[in-house]
Every structure is written in C-alpha cells, then in structure tokens.
C-alpha atoms as a PDB file:
ATOM      1  CA  MET A   1     133.465 129.879 159.593  1.00  0.00           C
ATOM      2  CA  SER A   2     134.847 126.390 159.602  1.00  0.00           C
ATOM      3  CA  SER A   3     136.110 124.705 156.501  1.00  0.00           C
ATOM      4  CA  GLU A   4     133.449 122.036 156.733  1.00  0.00           C
ATOM      5  CA  SER A   5     130.599 124.641 156.658  1.00  0.00           C
ATOM      6  CA  SER A   6     132.382 126.474 153.870  1.00  0.00           C
ATOM      7  CA  LYS A   7     132.269 123.286 151.829  1.00  0.00           C
ATOM      8  CA  TYR A   8     128.466 122.896 152.486  1.00  0.00           C
ATOM      9  CA  LEU A   9     127.975 126.464 151.510  1.00  0.00           C
ATOM     10  CA  LYS A  10     129.903 126.136 148.231  1.00  0.00           C
ATOM     11  CA  PHE A  11     128.044 122.848 147.404  1.00  0.00           C
ATOM     12  CA  GLY A  12     124.676 124.411 148.159  1.00  0.00           C
ATOM     13  CA  GLY A  13     125.473 127.527 146.039  1.00  0.00           C
ATOM     14  CA  ALA A  14     126.502 125.355 143.114  1.00  0.00           C
ATOM     15  CA  THR A  15     123.381 123.202 143.476  1.00  0.00           C
ATOM     16  CA  VAL A  16     121.175 126.380 143.469  1.00  0.00           C
ATOM     17  CA  LEU A  17     123.008 127.717 140.415  1.00  0.00           C
ATOM     18  CA  ILE A  18     122.598 124.441 138.559  1.00  0.00           C
ATOM     19  CA  LEU A  19     118.886 124.209 139.443  1.00  0.00           C
ATOM     20  CA  MET A  20     118.332 127.850 138.273  1.00  0.00           C
ATOM     21  CA  MET A  21     120.036 127.105 134.963  1.00  0.00           C
ATOM     22  CA  LEU A  22     117.967 124.017 134.382  1.00  0.00           C
ATOM     23  CA  GLY A  23     114.817 125.917 135.228  1.00  0.00           C
ATOM     24  CA  TYR A  24     115.743 128.610 132.726  1.00  0.00           C
ATOM     25  CA  LEU A  25     116.469 126.125 129.990  1.00  0.00           C
ATOM     26  CA  ALA A  26     113.132 124.425 130.632  1.00  0.00           C
ATOM     27  CA  TYR A  27     111.222 127.633 130.525  1.00  0.00           C
ATOM     28  CA  THR A  28     112.937 128.885 127.241  1.00  0.00           C
ATOM     29  CA  GLY A  29     112.393 125.416 125.656  1.00  0.00           C
ATOM     30  CA  VAL A  30     108.702 125.482 126.415  1.00  0.00           C
ATOM     31  CA  GLN A  31     108.331 129.007 125.094  1.00  0.00           C
ATOM     32  CA  GLU A  32     110.082 128.081 121.833  1.00  0.00           C
ATOM     33  CA  SER A  33     107.992 124.934 121.282  1.00  0.00           C
ATOM     34  CA  LYS A  34     104.662 126.514 122.082  1.00  0.00           C
ATOM     35  CA  SER A  35     102.479 127.229 119.128  1.00  0.00           C
ATOM     36  CA  TYR A  36      99.014 128.940 118.880  1.00  0.00           C
ATOM     37  CA  TYR A  37      96.175 127.509 116.797  1.00  0.00           C
ATOM     38  CA  VAL A  38      94.411 130.191 114.864  1.00  0.00           C
ATOM     39  CA  THR A  39      91.887 130.343 111.972  1.00  0.00           C
ATOM     40  CA  ILE A  40      92.837 132.489 108.923  1.00  0.00           C
ATOM     41  CA  LYS A  41      90.406 135.094 110.184  1.00  0.00           C
ATOM     42  CA  GLU A  42      92.094 135.221 113.629  1.00  0.00           C
ATOM     43  CA  LEU A  43      95.454 135.396 112.006  1.00  0.00           C
ATOM     44  CA  ARG A  44      94.509 138.484 110.046  1.00  0.00           C
ATOM     45  CA  GLY A  45      93.226 140.081 113.297  1.00  0.00           C
ATOM     46  CA  LEU A  46      96.337 139.515 115.338  1.00  0.00           C
ATOM     47  CA  GLY A  47      98.194 142.472 113.824  1.00  0.00           C
ATOM     48  CA  ASP A  48     101.940 142.881 114.598  1.00  0.00           C
ATOM     49  CA  SER A  49     101.958 140.156 117.233  1.00  0.00           C
ATOM     50  CA  ALA A  50     101.321 137.538 114.438  1.00  0.00           C
ATOM     51  CA  TYR A  51     104.908 138.040 113.211  1.00  0.00           C
ATOM     52  CA  THR A  52     106.580 136.991 116.442  1.00  0.00           C
ATOM     53  CA  LYS A  53     104.501 133.799 117.365  1.00  0.00           C
ATOM     54  CA  ARG A  54     104.766 130.288 116.287  1.00  0.00           C
ATOM     55  CA  LEU A  55     101.344 129.533 114.798  1.00  0.00           C
ATOM     56  CA  ARG A  56      99.223 126.639 113.437  1.00  0.00           C
ATOM     57  CA  VAL A  57      96.699 127.569 110.744  1.00  0.00           C
ATOM     58  CA  ALA A  58      94.224 125.149 109.173  1.00  0.00           C
ATOM     59  CA  GLY A  59      92.084 125.417 105.968  1.00  0.00           C
ATOM     60  CA  ASN A  60      91.218 123.564 102.750  1.00  0.00           C
ATOM     61  CA  VAL A  61      93.844 123.588  99.941  1.00  0.00           C
ATOM     62  CA  GLN A  62      92.660 125.710  97.040  1.00  0.00           C
ATOM     63  CA  PRO A  63      92.343 123.553  93.867  1.00  0.00           C
ATOM     64  CA  GLY A  64      95.166 124.369  91.360  1.00  0.00           C
ATOM     65  CA  SER A  65      97.173 126.368  93.774  1.00  0.00           C
ATOM     66  CA  ILE A  66      99.885 123.570  94.678  1.00  0.00           C
ATOM     67  CA  LYS A  67     103.265 124.265  93.157  1.00  0.00           C
ATOM     68  CA  ARG A  68     105.996 121.740  94.115  1.00  0.00           C
ATOM     69  CA  SER A  69     109.724 121.962  93.868  1.00  0.00           C
ATOM     70  CA  GLY A  70     111.385 119.010  95.650  1.00  0.00           C
ATOM     71  CA  THR A  71     110.296 119.167  99.340  1.00  0.00           C
ATOM     72  CA  HIS A  72     109.362 122.875  98.937  1.00  0.00           C
ATOM     73  CA  VAL A  73     105.590 123.526  98.248  1.00  0.00           C
ATOM     74  CA  ASP A  74     103.703 126.753  97.677  1.00  0.00           C
ATOM     75  CA  PHE A  75      99.921 126.574  98.010  1.00  0.00           C
ATOM     76  CA  ILE A  76      96.912 128.548  99.146  1.00  0.00           C
ATOM     77  CA  LEU A  77      94.710 127.777 102.258  1.00  0.00           C
ATOM     78  CA  VAL A  78      91.110 128.854 102.027  1.00  0.00           C
ATOM     79  CA  GLU A  79      88.535 129.233 104.858  1.00  0.00           C
ATOM     80  CA  GLN A  80      85.070 130.477 103.954  1.00  0.00           C
ATOM     81  CA  ASP A  81      85.854 133.591 101.902  1.00  0.00           C
ATOM     82  CA  LEU A  82      89.412 134.148 103.164  1.00  0.00           C
ATOM     83  CA  SER A  83      92.636 132.865 101.692  1.00  0.00           C
ATOM     84  CA  LEU A  84      96.233 132.558 102.964  1.00  0.00           C
ATOM     85  CA  PRO A  85      99.342 131.850 100.755  1.00  0.00           C
ATOM     86  CA  VAL A  86     101.573 129.230 102.393  1.00  0.00           C
ATOM     87  CA  SER A  87     105.138 128.320 101.603  1.00  0.00           C
ATOM     88  CA  TYR A  88     106.198 125.035 103.095  1.00  0.00           C
ATOM     89  CA  ALA A  89     109.920 124.343 103.304  1.00  0.00           C
ATOM     90  CA  GLY A  90     110.209 121.420 105.576  1.00  0.00           C
ATOM     91  CA  THR A  91     112.805 118.686 105.613  1.00  0.00           C
ATOM     92  CA  GLU A  92     110.250 115.976 104.515  1.00  0.00           C
ATOM     93  CA  PRO A  93     107.986 116.071 101.473  1.00  0.00           C
ATOM     94  CA  PRO A  94     104.262 116.757 102.119  1.00  0.00           C
ATOM     95  CA  PRO A  95     102.176 113.719 103.041  1.00  0.00           C
ATOM     96  CA  ASP A  96     100.455 111.664 100.345  1.00  0.00           C
ATOM     97  CA  THR A  97      97.083 112.995 101.383  1.00  0.00           C
ATOM     98  CA  PHE A  98      98.120 116.525 100.552  1.00  0.00           C
ATOM     99  CA  LYS A  99      96.045 117.259  97.479  1.00  0.00           C
ATOM    100  CA  ASP A 100      93.493 119.827  96.098  1.00  0.00           C
ATOM    101  CA  ASN A 101      90.489 120.344  98.400  1.00  0.00           C
ATOM    102  CA  SER A 102      92.207 118.450 101.191  1.00  0.00           C
ATOM    103  CA  GLN A 103      92.205 119.790 104.754  1.00  0.00           C
ATOM    104  CA  ALA A 104      95.662 120.869 105.701  1.00  0.00           C
ATOM    105  CA  LEU A 105      97.292 122.195 108.934  1.00  0.00           C
ATOM    106  CA  ALA A 106     100.350 124.350 108.578  1.00  0.00           C
ATOM    107  CA  GLU A 107     102.705 124.993 111.427  1.00  0.00           C
ATOM    108  CA  GLY A 108     105.231 127.874 111.289  1.00  0.00           C
ATOM    109  CA  SER A 109     105.267 131.576 111.287  1.00  0.00           C
ATOM    110  CA  PHE A 110     103.449 134.473 109.574  1.00  0.00           C
ATOM    111  CA  GLY A 111     105.759 136.805 107.489  1.00  0.00           C
ATOM    112  CA  LYS A 112     105.443 140.433 106.926  1.00  0.00           C
ATOM    113  CA  ASP A 113     105.266 139.545 103.281  1.00  0.00           C
ATOM    114  CA  GLY A 114     101.754 138.118 103.877  1.00  0.00           C
ATOM    115  CA  VAL A 115     102.859 134.616 103.410  1.00  0.00           C
ATOM    116  CA  PHE A 116     102.617 131.928 106.056  1.00  0.00           C
ATOM    117  CA  HIS A 117     106.020 130.173 106.256  1.00  0.00           C
ATOM    118  CA  ALA A 118     105.355 126.595 107.266  1.00  0.00           C
ATOM    119  CA  LYS A 119     107.985 124.239 108.674  1.00  0.00           C
ATOM    120  CA  GLY A 120     105.509 121.426 109.295  1.00  0.00           C
ATOM    121  CA  LEU A 121     102.490 120.243 107.273  1.00  0.00           C
ATOM    122  CA  GLN A 122      99.708 117.794 108.009  1.00  0.00           C
ATOM    123  CA  ALA A 123      96.924 116.886 105.698  1.00  0.00           C
ATOM    124  CA  LYS A 124      93.929 114.571 105.251  1.00  0.00           C
ATOM    125  CA  CYS A 125      92.080 113.633 102.187  1.00  0.00           C
ATOM    126  CA  ALA A 126      88.636 115.130 102.140  1.00  0.00           C
ATOM    127  CA  SER A 127      86.996 112.391 100.190  1.00  0.00           C
ATOM    128  CA  LYS A 128      88.519 109.703 102.431  1.00  0.00           C
ATOM    129  CA  TYR A 129      86.648 111.178 105.451  1.00  0.00           C
ATOM    130  CA  ALA A 130      83.460 112.154 103.774  1.00  0.00           C
ATOM    131  CA  PRO A 131      80.302 110.398 104.878  1.00  0.00           C
ATOM    132  CA  ALA A 132      79.124 107.427 102.782  1.00  0.00           C
ATOM    133  CA  LYS A 133      76.441 108.101 100.215  1.00  0.00           C
ATOM    134  CA  PRO A 134      73.149 106.344 100.612  1.00  0.00           C
ATOM    135  CA  GLY A 135      73.152 103.052  98.667  1.00  0.00           C
ATOM    136  CA  ASP A 136      77.029 102.806  98.534  1.00  0.00           C
ATOM    137  CA  PRO A 137      78.516  99.713 100.175  1.00  0.00           C
ATOM    138  CA  ALA A 138      80.276 100.562 103.432  1.00  0.00           C
ATOM    139  CA  THR A 139      84.019 100.148 103.382  1.00  0.00           C
ATOM    140  CA  GLY A 140      85.743  97.957 105.950  1.00  0.00           C
ATOM    141  CA  THR A 141      82.720  95.631 106.257  1.00  0.00           C
ATOM    142  CA  PRO A 142      83.212  91.864 105.872  1.00  0.00           C
ATOM    143  CA  ASN A 143      82.460  90.220 102.586  1.00  0.00           C
ATOM    144  CA  SER A 144      78.981  88.569 102.463  1.00  0.00           C
ATOM    145  CA  ALA A 145      80.420  85.431 100.943  1.00  0.00           C
ATOM    146  CA  PRO A 146      81.274  82.703 103.456  1.00  0.00           C
ATOM    147  CA  PRO A 147      84.941  82.356 104.234  1.00  0.00           C
ATOM    148  CA  LYS A 148      86.821  79.636 102.460  1.00  0.00           C
ATOM    149  CA  THR A 149      87.635  76.612 104.702  1.00  0.00           C
ATOM    150  CA  MET A 150      90.167  73.968 104.290  1.00  0.00           C
ATOM    151  CA  THR A 151      89.074  70.583 103.032  1.00  0.00           C
ATOM    152  CA  GLU A 152      89.847  67.548 104.953  1.00  0.00           C
ATOM    153  CA  THR A 153      92.529  66.521 102.500  1.00  0.00           C
ATOM    154  CA  GLN A 154      94.514  69.779 102.587  1.00  0.00           C
ATOM    155  CA  ASP A 155      96.864  70.958 105.187  1.00  0.00           C
ATOM    156  CA  SER A 156      97.137  74.638 106.387  1.00  0.00           C
ATOM    157  CA  LYS A 157      99.228  75.548 103.314  1.00  0.00           C
ATOM    158  CA  GLY A 158      96.747  74.128 100.823  1.00  0.00           C
ATOM    159  CA  VAL A 159      98.861  71.087 100.065  1.00  0.00           C
ATOM    160  CA  THR A 160      96.732  68.032  99.292  1.00  0.00           C
ATOM    161  CA  LEU A 161      97.434  65.115 101.634  1.00  0.00           C
END
C-alpha cells in the first residue's frame, strides 16, 4: 500500500470515528431530554417503568396544599378523584400564576416514595382563563368614550401654543 493511500485510509477512519461519536452524543442527548406527558391516572398505571422515565404531569393545585420554602415548593395536584404529591426543587421560583386551584404542569420524575419530584413547573391562573359571565364587560375591549384629541392650540406634548 502506498503512503498516499495510507493517509486517505487514516483520514477516512478518523472521519468515520468522529461521525459515530457525534451520532452517539446526539442519540443520548435526545434520550435524556425526552419526556412523556401522562395524566395522574396513567402515571399510577405505569408501574415500575414510571421510576425510570422523565415525565410531565398536569392537574389542578389542591387548595391549601402549597407549602413554600424559598424556591422549593411542595403541593398536591388533583385530577378528578386522584391526587399526586409534588415536590418542586427548581432553580427558579414558581411562576406568579401558581396558586390554589390553578392548572399546573410539573416536569420531572416519579419517585418510589410516591412523590413526583419536579425540576420544572408551569402554571396558569384558572380565573384568568375562565369564560366571561353573562352581563360582565369583556376585558380588552376599547372604552366606549371617544378618544381624547389635541386641541389646535396644543402641541403633541400637551403644551399650549
């Protein structure tokens, strides 16, 4: 074999090795970031496989169950007649909309202790997204009063000329 073909063979081998390593890193990265969305009922039915998967669970926050300690929060999610204790230990505090009766989505893992250990938490205020009651003025609609206009003797900053 000539030295030139030996160089190409070494270069090709190194290229293949690098591409295989990049493929492996991409595969493992996708596997680690993948999370499954389950309901509380489905979580209870997963059995032992629930302990090894990254999961997302949604439900309503049970009134009176929120216990805060800095950025750590313990609370209970409820769905129909099922409940799930959740322990959130993220790096950021829970969102402002995280309150009693709000809908919450916890992302993390289910522990053998029966507690869902969340690393991420999303919430929305139930009353903010509730349909308007009949007779209540709609929010976000323009005021019925005509807009104020400048008089001929005022400039755009309201200074009289």
